Protein backbone atom coordinates (compact mmCIF):
# COMPACT_ATOMS: atom_id res chain seq x y z
CA MET A 1 81.11 306.14 187.59
CA GLY A 2 82.68 306.63 191.02
CA ARG A 3 86.38 307.33 191.20
CA LEU A 4 88.28 304.10 190.53
CA PHE A 5 91.56 305.20 192.06
CA GLY A 6 91.73 305.16 195.83
CA THR A 7 94.56 306.28 198.10
CA ASP A 8 96.92 303.69 196.59
CA GLY A 9 95.86 302.65 193.10
CA VAL A 10 92.80 300.67 192.07
CA ARG A 11 91.92 297.92 194.51
CA GLY A 12 89.12 295.41 195.10
CA VAL A 13 88.14 291.75 195.14
CA ALA A 14 89.90 290.12 192.20
CA ASN A 15 87.55 288.89 189.45
CA ALA A 16 84.62 290.67 191.09
CA ASP A 17 85.54 294.35 191.54
CA LEU A 18 88.88 294.12 189.77
CA THR A 19 88.24 292.13 186.60
CA ALA A 20 90.48 291.22 183.69
CA GLU A 21 88.45 293.58 181.51
CA LEU A 22 89.02 296.49 183.90
CA ALA A 23 92.73 295.70 184.18
CA LEU A 24 93.10 295.59 180.42
CA GLY A 25 91.15 298.79 179.86
CA LEU A 26 93.01 300.73 182.55
CA SER A 27 96.33 299.57 181.11
CA VAL A 28 95.43 300.82 177.63
CA ALA A 29 94.32 304.14 179.14
CA ALA A 30 97.53 304.37 181.14
CA ALA A 31 99.52 303.68 177.98
CA HIS A 32 97.84 306.61 176.24
CA VAL A 33 98.34 308.96 179.20
CA LEU A 34 101.70 307.92 180.65
CA GLY A 35 103.35 306.57 177.52
CA GLU A 36 102.19 309.49 175.41
CA VAL A 37 101.51 306.97 172.68
CA GLY A 38 101.80 308.46 169.22
CA THR A 39 103.10 311.87 170.28
CA PHE A 40 106.73 311.22 169.39
CA GLU A 41 107.51 309.85 165.98
CA GLY A 42 109.54 306.71 166.38
CA HIS A 43 109.15 306.70 170.17
CA ARG A 44 108.46 303.25 171.55
CA PRO A 45 107.12 303.44 175.11
CA THR A 46 108.28 300.80 177.59
CA ALA A 47 106.60 299.44 180.71
CA VAL A 48 107.87 297.42 183.66
CA VAL A 49 105.24 295.05 185.09
CA GLY A 50 105.55 293.18 188.39
CA ARG A 51 103.23 291.49 190.87
CA ASP A 52 102.97 289.91 194.28
CA PRO A 53 102.35 286.11 194.53
CA ARG A 54 98.53 286.20 194.74
CA ALA A 55 96.91 283.62 192.50
CA SER A 56 94.77 286.33 190.88
CA GLY A 57 97.92 288.21 189.93
CA GLU A 58 98.55 285.66 187.21
CA PHE A 59 95.46 286.46 185.15
CA LEU A 60 95.58 290.17 186.00
CA GLU A 61 99.19 290.34 184.84
CA ALA A 62 98.16 288.72 181.55
CA ALA A 63 95.42 291.33 181.12
CA VAL A 64 97.70 294.26 181.94
CA VAL A 65 100.45 293.03 179.63
CA ALA A 66 97.94 292.46 176.82
CA GLY A 67 96.49 295.94 177.26
CA LEU A 68 99.87 297.64 177.21
CA ALA A 69 101.19 295.70 174.23
CA SER A 70 97.96 296.28 172.27
CA ALA A 71 98.53 300.02 172.77
CA GLY A 72 102.03 299.83 171.30
CA VAL A 73 104.00 299.59 174.56
CA ASP A 74 106.94 297.20 174.92
CA VAL A 75 106.61 295.26 178.18
CA LEU A 76 109.30 293.96 180.53
CA ARG A 77 107.81 291.40 182.93
CA VAL A 78 109.85 291.23 186.13
CA GLY A 79 107.65 288.63 187.83
CA VAL A 80 107.13 288.50 191.59
CA LEU A 81 108.96 291.45 193.13
CA PRO A 82 108.11 294.08 195.78
CA THR A 83 106.35 297.30 194.82
CA PRO A 84 109.50 299.37 195.51
CA ALA A 85 111.47 297.07 193.20
CA VAL A 86 109.06 297.81 190.34
CA ALA A 87 109.33 301.53 191.11
CA TYR A 88 113.14 301.32 191.20
CA LEU A 89 113.39 299.34 187.96
CA THR A 90 110.98 301.70 186.19
CA GLY A 91 113.41 304.52 186.92
CA ALA A 92 116.63 302.56 186.46
CA LEU A 93 115.58 301.16 183.08
CA GLY A 94 114.23 304.48 181.81
CA ALA A 95 110.75 303.03 181.35
CA ASP A 96 107.75 305.24 180.66
CA ILE A 97 105.34 303.24 182.82
CA GLY A 98 105.55 300.98 185.85
CA VAL A 99 102.73 298.65 186.88
CA MET A 100 102.49 296.70 190.14
CA LEU A 101 99.74 294.19 190.79
CA SER A 102 99.17 293.90 194.53
CA ALA A 103 96.68 294.62 197.29
CA SER A 104 99.50 295.21 199.78
CA HIS A 105 98.44 294.08 203.28
CA ASN A 106 94.91 293.09 202.22
CA ALA A 107 93.70 289.50 202.39
CA MET A 108 94.33 287.15 199.48
CA PRO A 109 90.99 287.55 197.61
CA ASP A 110 91.79 291.24 196.98
CA ASN A 111 94.18 292.56 194.40
CA GLY A 112 95.10 295.94 192.98
CA ILE A 113 96.79 297.86 190.19
CA LYS A 114 99.28 300.58 190.94
CA PHE A 115 100.82 302.70 188.18
CA PHE A 116 104.13 304.55 188.23
CA ALA A 117 105.19 307.34 185.92
CA ARG A 118 108.65 307.88 184.44
CA GLY A 119 111.33 307.76 187.11
CA GLY A 120 109.28 305.32 189.19
CA HIS A 121 107.12 307.98 190.83
CA LYS A 122 103.55 307.50 192.08
CA LEU A 123 100.90 309.30 190.10
CA ALA A 124 99.49 312.67 191.07
CA ASP A 125 95.70 312.87 191.33
CA GLU A 126 95.60 314.75 188.02
CA LEU A 127 97.24 311.87 186.15
CA GLU A 128 94.95 309.30 187.77
CA ASP A 129 91.96 311.41 186.76
CA ARG A 130 93.21 311.58 183.17
CA ILE A 131 93.60 307.80 183.05
CA GLU A 132 90.07 307.35 184.38
CA THR A 133 88.69 309.83 181.86
CA VAL A 134 90.35 308.08 178.93
CA TYR A 135 89.25 304.68 180.24
CA GLU A 136 85.63 305.81 180.62
CA GLN A 137 85.53 307.44 177.20
CA HIS A 138 86.53 304.21 175.49
CA ARG A 139 84.45 302.00 177.79
CA THR A 140 81.34 303.83 176.62
CA GLY A 141 82.05 303.44 172.93
CA GLU A 142 84.82 305.73 171.68
CA PRO A 143 87.28 303.47 169.81
CA TRP A 144 90.92 303.13 170.83
CA ALA A 145 93.71 304.10 168.48
CA ARG A 146 95.08 300.62 167.82
CA PRO A 147 98.51 300.04 166.25
CA THR A 148 98.91 297.12 163.87
CA GLY A 149 101.77 295.17 162.38
CA ALA A 150 105.13 296.22 163.75
CA GLY A 151 103.41 298.90 165.81
CA VAL A 152 102.16 296.53 168.50
CA GLY A 153 104.20 296.19 171.66
CA ARG A 154 106.60 293.33 172.29
CA ILE A 155 106.68 291.34 175.54
CA SER A 156 109.76 289.91 177.22
CA ASP A 157 110.82 288.68 180.64
CA TYR A 158 113.43 290.68 182.55
CA ALA A 159 114.87 288.11 184.96
CA GLU A 160 117.80 290.42 185.75
CA GLY A 161 115.44 292.64 187.75
CA PHE A 162 115.88 290.56 190.91
CA ASP A 163 119.66 290.85 191.07
CA ARG A 164 119.67 294.46 189.93
CA TYR A 165 117.30 295.46 192.73
CA VAL A 166 119.16 293.49 195.41
CA ALA A 167 122.46 295.02 194.27
CA HIS A 168 120.87 298.46 194.59
CA LEU A 169 119.80 297.73 198.17
CA ILE A 170 123.23 296.50 199.19
CA GLY A 171 124.92 299.40 197.42
CA VAL A 172 123.18 302.08 199.50
CA LEU A 173 123.80 300.51 202.94
CA PRO A 174 126.15 302.58 205.12
CA ASN A 175 127.76 299.48 206.67
CA ARG A 176 127.52 295.70 206.72
CA LEU A 177 125.41 293.62 209.09
CA ASP A 178 128.06 291.08 210.12
CA GLY A 179 127.44 289.71 213.61
CA LEU A 180 123.69 290.35 213.59
CA LYS A 181 121.05 287.63 213.74
CA VAL A 182 117.80 288.74 212.12
CA VAL A 183 114.43 287.01 211.78
CA LEU A 184 112.55 288.00 208.62
CA ASP A 185 108.76 287.58 208.25
CA GLU A 186 107.98 287.92 204.55
CA ALA A 187 104.17 287.60 204.84
CA HIS A 188 104.31 284.91 202.11
CA GLY A 189 104.49 287.93 199.85
CA ALA A 190 106.50 289.72 197.20
CA ALA A 191 109.73 289.95 199.22
CA ALA A 192 109.96 286.23 200.02
CA ARG A 193 113.11 285.90 197.89
CA VAL A 194 114.42 289.47 197.80
CA SER A 195 114.62 290.27 201.50
CA PRO A 196 116.45 287.10 202.67
CA GLU A 197 118.88 287.46 199.78
CA ALA A 198 119.62 291.10 200.58
CA PHE A 199 120.11 290.55 204.32
CA ALA A 200 122.33 287.52 203.69
CA ARG A 201 124.49 289.39 201.16
CA ALA A 202 124.81 292.22 203.69
CA GLY A 203 126.34 289.79 206.18
CA ALA A 204 123.49 289.03 208.57
CA GLU A 205 122.66 285.58 209.89
CA ILE A 206 119.02 285.15 208.95
CA VAL A 207 116.03 283.08 209.98
CA THR A 208 113.01 283.29 207.69
CA ILE A 209 109.33 282.75 208.36
CA GLY A 210 106.39 283.44 206.08
CA ALA A 211 108.64 282.92 203.07
CA GLU A 212 106.80 280.14 201.22
CA PRO A 213 104.13 281.84 199.11
CA ASP A 214 101.70 279.52 197.34
CA GLY A 215 99.43 282.17 195.85
CA LEU A 216 96.79 281.71 198.56
CA ASN A 217 98.58 282.34 201.87
CA ILE A 218 99.75 285.95 201.47
CA ASN A 219 99.30 287.96 204.72
CA ASP A 220 97.58 284.94 206.29
CA GLY A 221 98.36 285.28 210.00
CA CYS A 222 101.83 286.63 209.29
CA GLY A 223 103.69 289.73 208.18
CA SER A 224 103.42 293.30 209.41
CA THR A 225 99.71 293.00 210.25
CA HIS A 226 100.25 289.89 212.44
CA LEU A 227 103.45 290.19 214.47
CA GLU A 228 102.80 287.32 216.89
CA LEU A 229 104.82 284.73 214.94
CA LEU A 230 107.72 287.13 214.50
CA ARG A 231 107.80 288.04 218.18
CA ALA A 232 107.94 284.37 219.14
CA ALA A 233 110.58 283.51 216.52
CA VAL A 234 112.92 286.33 217.58
CA VAL A 235 112.83 285.16 221.20
CA GLU A 236 113.09 281.48 220.26
CA HIS A 237 116.15 281.99 218.06
CA GLY A 238 117.84 284.56 220.30
CA ALA A 239 117.91 287.05 217.43
CA ASP A 240 118.98 290.68 217.70
CA LEU A 241 115.86 291.89 215.94
CA GLY A 242 113.01 290.89 213.66
CA ILE A 243 111.70 292.52 210.49
CA ALA A 244 108.15 292.14 209.15
CA HIS A 245 106.91 293.13 205.70
CA ASP A 246 103.44 293.32 204.20
CA GLY A 247 102.35 291.58 201.02
CA ASP A 248 104.07 293.93 198.57
CA ALA A 249 106.93 294.86 200.95
CA ASP A 250 106.53 298.61 200.76
CA ARG A 251 106.36 298.77 204.55
CA CYS A 252 108.39 297.48 207.47
CA LEU A 253 107.72 296.96 211.15
CA ALA A 254 110.20 295.48 213.59
CA VAL A 255 110.52 293.75 216.94
CA ASP A 256 113.44 294.00 219.35
CA ALA A 257 115.35 291.12 220.96
CA ALA A 258 112.68 290.78 223.65
CA GLY A 259 109.92 290.51 221.04
CA GLU A 260 108.54 294.01 221.64
CA GLU A 261 107.07 295.83 218.63
CA ILE A 262 108.95 298.73 217.08
CA ASP A 263 106.47 300.71 214.98
CA GLY A 264 106.96 303.07 212.06
CA ASP A 265 107.33 306.16 214.26
CA GLN A 266 110.10 304.52 216.27
CA ILE A 267 111.84 303.33 213.10
CA LEU A 268 111.65 306.87 211.72
CA ALA A 269 113.14 308.21 214.95
CA VAL A 270 116.08 305.78 214.79
CA LEU A 271 116.75 306.53 211.11
CA ALA A 272 116.36 310.29 211.58
CA LEU A 273 119.16 310.30 214.15
CA ALA A 274 121.31 308.02 212.00
CA MET A 275 120.88 310.27 208.95
CA ARG A 276 121.42 313.41 211.02
CA ASP A 277 124.68 312.01 212.39
CA ALA A 278 125.77 311.14 208.84
CA GLY A 279 124.88 314.61 207.55
CA GLN A 280 122.13 313.19 205.31
CA LEU A 281 119.00 314.59 206.98
CA ARG A 282 118.39 317.53 204.68
CA LYS A 283 117.10 320.69 206.38
CA GLY A 284 117.20 318.82 209.69
CA THR A 285 113.64 317.68 209.00
CA VAL A 286 111.65 314.46 209.00
CA VAL A 287 108.15 314.16 207.51
CA GLY A 288 105.35 312.30 209.30
CA THR A 289 101.56 312.41 209.24
CA VAL A 290 98.86 313.73 211.53
CA MET A 291 98.70 310.19 212.96
CA SER A 292 102.33 310.29 214.11
CA ASN A 293 102.57 309.58 217.83
CA LEU A 294 102.92 312.64 220.02
CA GLY A 295 105.91 310.94 221.62
CA PHE A 296 107.64 311.01 218.23
CA LYS A 297 107.09 314.74 217.93
CA ILE A 298 108.41 315.33 221.45
CA ALA A 299 111.50 313.22 220.76
CA MET A 300 112.29 315.02 217.51
CA GLU A 301 111.94 318.43 219.20
CA ARG A 302 114.30 317.30 221.95
CA GLU A 303 116.86 316.18 219.35
CA GLY A 304 116.61 319.44 217.41
CA ILE A 305 114.89 317.82 214.43
CA GLU A 306 111.86 319.49 212.85
CA LEU A 307 108.78 317.37 212.20
CA VAL A 308 106.52 318.26 209.27
CA GLN A 309 103.12 316.52 209.36
CA THR A 310 100.91 315.75 206.36
CA ALA A 311 97.56 314.07 205.75
CA VAL A 312 97.51 310.31 206.28
CA GLY A 313 98.93 308.39 203.32
CA ASP A 314 102.48 307.81 202.13
CA ARG A 315 101.66 309.65 198.89
CA TYR A 316 101.16 312.87 200.87
CA VAL A 317 104.36 312.29 202.80
CA LEU A 318 106.17 311.82 199.50
CA GLU A 319 104.63 314.95 197.97
CA SER A 320 105.88 317.05 200.89
CA MET A 321 109.34 315.50 200.68
CA LYS A 322 109.65 316.17 196.96
CA GLU A 323 108.27 319.71 197.15
CA GLN A 324 110.52 320.78 200.03
CA GLY A 325 113.59 318.63 199.37
CA TYR A 326 113.41 316.52 202.53
CA ALA A 327 115.25 313.19 202.71
CA LEU A 328 113.26 311.09 205.19
CA GLY A 329 109.57 310.57 205.87
CA GLY A 330 107.02 307.94 206.69
CA GLU A 331 104.03 306.67 208.59
CA GLN A 332 103.35 304.87 211.85
CA SER A 333 102.20 301.89 209.77
CA GLY A 334 105.74 301.31 208.56
CA HIS A 335 105.81 303.09 205.20
CA VAL A 336 109.25 304.72 205.35
CA ILE A 337 110.65 306.70 202.42
CA VAL A 338 114.37 307.41 202.08
CA LEU A 339 114.16 309.67 199.06
CA ASP A 340 117.85 309.53 198.13
CA HIS A 341 117.49 305.80 197.48
CA ALA A 342 113.81 305.12 196.75
CA THR A 343 110.81 306.84 195.19
CA THR A 344 108.32 305.04 197.43
CA GLY A 345 108.18 303.24 200.76
CA ASP A 346 110.62 300.32 200.71
CA GLY A 347 110.28 297.77 203.49
CA THR A 348 113.42 295.84 202.66
CA LEU A 349 115.55 298.98 202.46
CA THR A 350 114.06 300.24 205.73
CA GLY A 351 114.79 296.97 207.49
CA LEU A 352 118.35 296.92 206.18
CA MET A 353 119.00 300.51 207.30
CA LEU A 354 117.52 299.81 210.74
CA ALA A 355 119.73 296.74 211.14
CA ALA A 356 122.72 298.72 209.88
CA ARG A 357 122.20 301.28 212.65
CA VAL A 358 122.16 298.49 215.24
CA ALA A 359 125.36 297.02 213.79
CA ALA A 360 127.12 300.39 213.52
CA THR A 361 126.34 301.56 217.05
CA GLY A 362 126.64 298.27 218.90
CA ARG A 363 123.44 299.21 220.75
CA THR A 364 120.32 297.08 220.91
CA LEU A 365 117.27 298.00 218.90
CA ALA A 366 115.37 298.58 222.15
CA GLU A 367 118.00 301.11 223.25
CA LEU A 368 117.91 302.91 219.91
CA ALA A 369 114.10 303.01 219.80
CA GLY A 370 114.09 304.33 223.36
CA VAL A 371 114.84 307.77 221.96
CA MET A 372 111.06 308.21 221.93
CA GLU A 373 108.35 307.20 224.37
CA ARG A 374 105.21 306.03 222.64
CA LEU A 375 102.21 307.72 224.22
CA PRO A 376 99.08 305.53 224.35
CA GLN A 377 96.84 305.89 221.31
CA VAL A 378 93.28 304.63 221.01
CA LEU A 379 91.68 304.35 217.56
CA ILE A 380 87.96 303.64 217.12
CA ASN A 381 86.34 303.22 213.71
CA VAL A 382 82.73 304.45 213.65
CA PRO A 383 80.96 302.87 210.64
CA ASP A 384 77.80 303.77 208.73
CA VAL A 385 77.89 307.53 209.33
CA ASP A 386 77.85 310.58 207.06
CA LYS A 387 81.60 311.15 207.00
CA SER A 388 81.20 314.27 204.83
CA ARG A 389 79.94 316.21 207.89
CA VAL A 390 82.81 315.34 210.21
CA SER A 391 84.31 318.84 209.92
CA THR A 392 81.04 320.79 209.89
CA SER A 393 78.93 319.28 212.68
CA PRO A 394 78.52 321.83 215.54
CA GLU A 395 77.74 319.04 218.03
CA LEU A 396 80.95 317.25 217.12
CA ALA A 397 83.01 320.46 217.30
CA VAL A 398 81.82 321.09 220.86
CA ALA A 399 82.65 317.51 221.91
CA VAL A 400 86.14 317.73 220.41
CA ALA A 401 86.83 321.06 222.13
CA GLU A 402 85.78 319.60 225.49
CA ALA A 403 88.01 316.55 224.95
CA GLU A 404 90.99 318.71 224.04
CA ARG A 405 90.55 320.78 227.19
CA GLU A 406 90.45 317.61 229.28
CA LEU A 407 93.60 316.16 227.68
CA GLY A 408 95.63 319.37 227.83
CA ALA A 409 99.17 319.53 226.46
CA THR A 410 99.90 315.82 226.95
CA GLY A 411 97.20 314.56 224.59
CA ARG A 412 95.31 315.24 221.39
CA VAL A 413 92.24 314.32 219.37
CA LEU A 414 92.02 313.54 215.67
CA LEU A 415 88.84 312.79 213.73
CA ARG A 416 89.44 311.55 210.21
CA LYS A 417 87.05 310.31 207.55
CA SER A 418 88.04 307.14 205.74
CA GLY A 419 89.10 307.54 202.14
CA THR A 420 87.46 304.29 201.05
CA GLU A 421 84.67 303.40 203.52
CA PRO A 422 81.61 305.15 205.07
CA LEU A 423 83.26 305.53 208.45
CA VAL A 424 85.00 308.06 210.67
CA ARG A 425 88.18 307.23 212.58
CA VAL A 426 88.41 308.62 216.12
CA MET A 427 91.96 308.80 217.46
CA VAL A 428 92.77 309.94 220.98
CA GLU A 429 96.24 310.19 222.46
CA ALA A 430 96.96 310.70 226.15
CA ALA A 431 99.63 310.06 228.74
CA ASP A 432 97.28 307.54 230.40
CA ILE A 433 95.72 304.71 228.39
CA GLU A 434 92.53 304.61 230.45
CA GLN A 435 91.94 308.32 229.88
CA ALA A 436 92.55 307.84 226.15
CA ARG A 437 90.00 305.00 226.04
CA ALA A 438 87.39 306.95 227.97
CA VAL A 439 87.70 310.07 225.81
CA ALA A 440 87.75 308.06 222.58
CA GLY A 441 84.64 306.15 223.63
CA ARG A 442 82.73 309.34 224.40
CA LEU A 443 83.74 310.92 221.10
CA ALA A 444 82.77 307.78 219.16
CA ASP A 445 79.29 307.99 220.73
CA VAL A 446 78.97 311.63 219.66
CA VAL A 447 80.07 310.75 216.11
CA LYS A 448 77.34 308.09 215.95
CA SER A 449 74.62 310.42 217.23
CA ALA A 450 75.71 313.50 215.26
CA LEU A 451 76.54 311.85 211.94
CA GLY A 452 74.48 308.66 212.02
């Protein structure tokens, strides 16, 4: 069996790759690993289960809840809420397990299962491996330890989760948003109710788009992966800024009053300065990834803020933050983690904090984001190659060295193998977009010939 867990839980086409049987089995395995079922006499493990609005989430939720309860875990169903809300409630309610059913920014036919440990924290690789091992053992014939009678888990709905999460968001804001007009694109996803409610309670005048999920339209031409509608709506309504979420609202991108995109690096730059000014940027450091724009690094150096870079993936950003005690980190894609207030990327919280900075300073979002100049980046995906040899191919090493000499100090090259597909990503950054395209194209050709 290949590894089920990818970079962010178990994900695939619902009812094809991700079946009810798999969801049930993984949930029982997670109950045995995360709930430590049977190890404490009288201990009754509890799980918080939420989902995004995908139609397939309905039957997958039923399977997950059945699996957990059959393993002796009491289940609190919180319904349709963002991933960070499930993480927050797992910690706030003292639950042993959190489960989120979502495929994030993926198209509607996909779905996924993401587990959280006590405190609402994402699982380390070791815990995921243990869950897979237990799942596989029982899938191939070893019987589960099954409680009976009063030992089975009980299932209840926790409707208070919505208000408790929104109150948490409002409670951590440094200032209100009165006087701001904000357009919110909810991607017909998990934040369709939460985000408008939070922004309205914080004092903003809001316009919503993509906030009518029907189970089939999630991420369909809207949200953080399709900013065209948001750009147009911000200009049409004369708004101060726009905020876009993905399907499970663990990320946030923005547009300024002119409809120009503000990406995750720029958001991080704005929040880093805000937290530094408030004395909240621990160790004067922000955490990014190797994909962070070079312009972000230059801006942070100029402002006296250290940038620590990790492998791509918000889980690696979070690991670095927790290990070193940093307060802020994130990715260009819009996953932003404010560790004092969230255990994972939180798109609604990020959007609120960005808007709060605009309101507090009286400056436009464009002015605030102007702290960094985004250098042109070109990304080419090269499919159907042997990605395992990307770091060992002599031919590729020579080509990369030549490209780096050509780009000099104002550019860089990054070759990265995909974590889920047989492809290599070629990223080139340069002061001039045409140079970046030319170098990236040449390197992509070498990847094809050397690794094909």
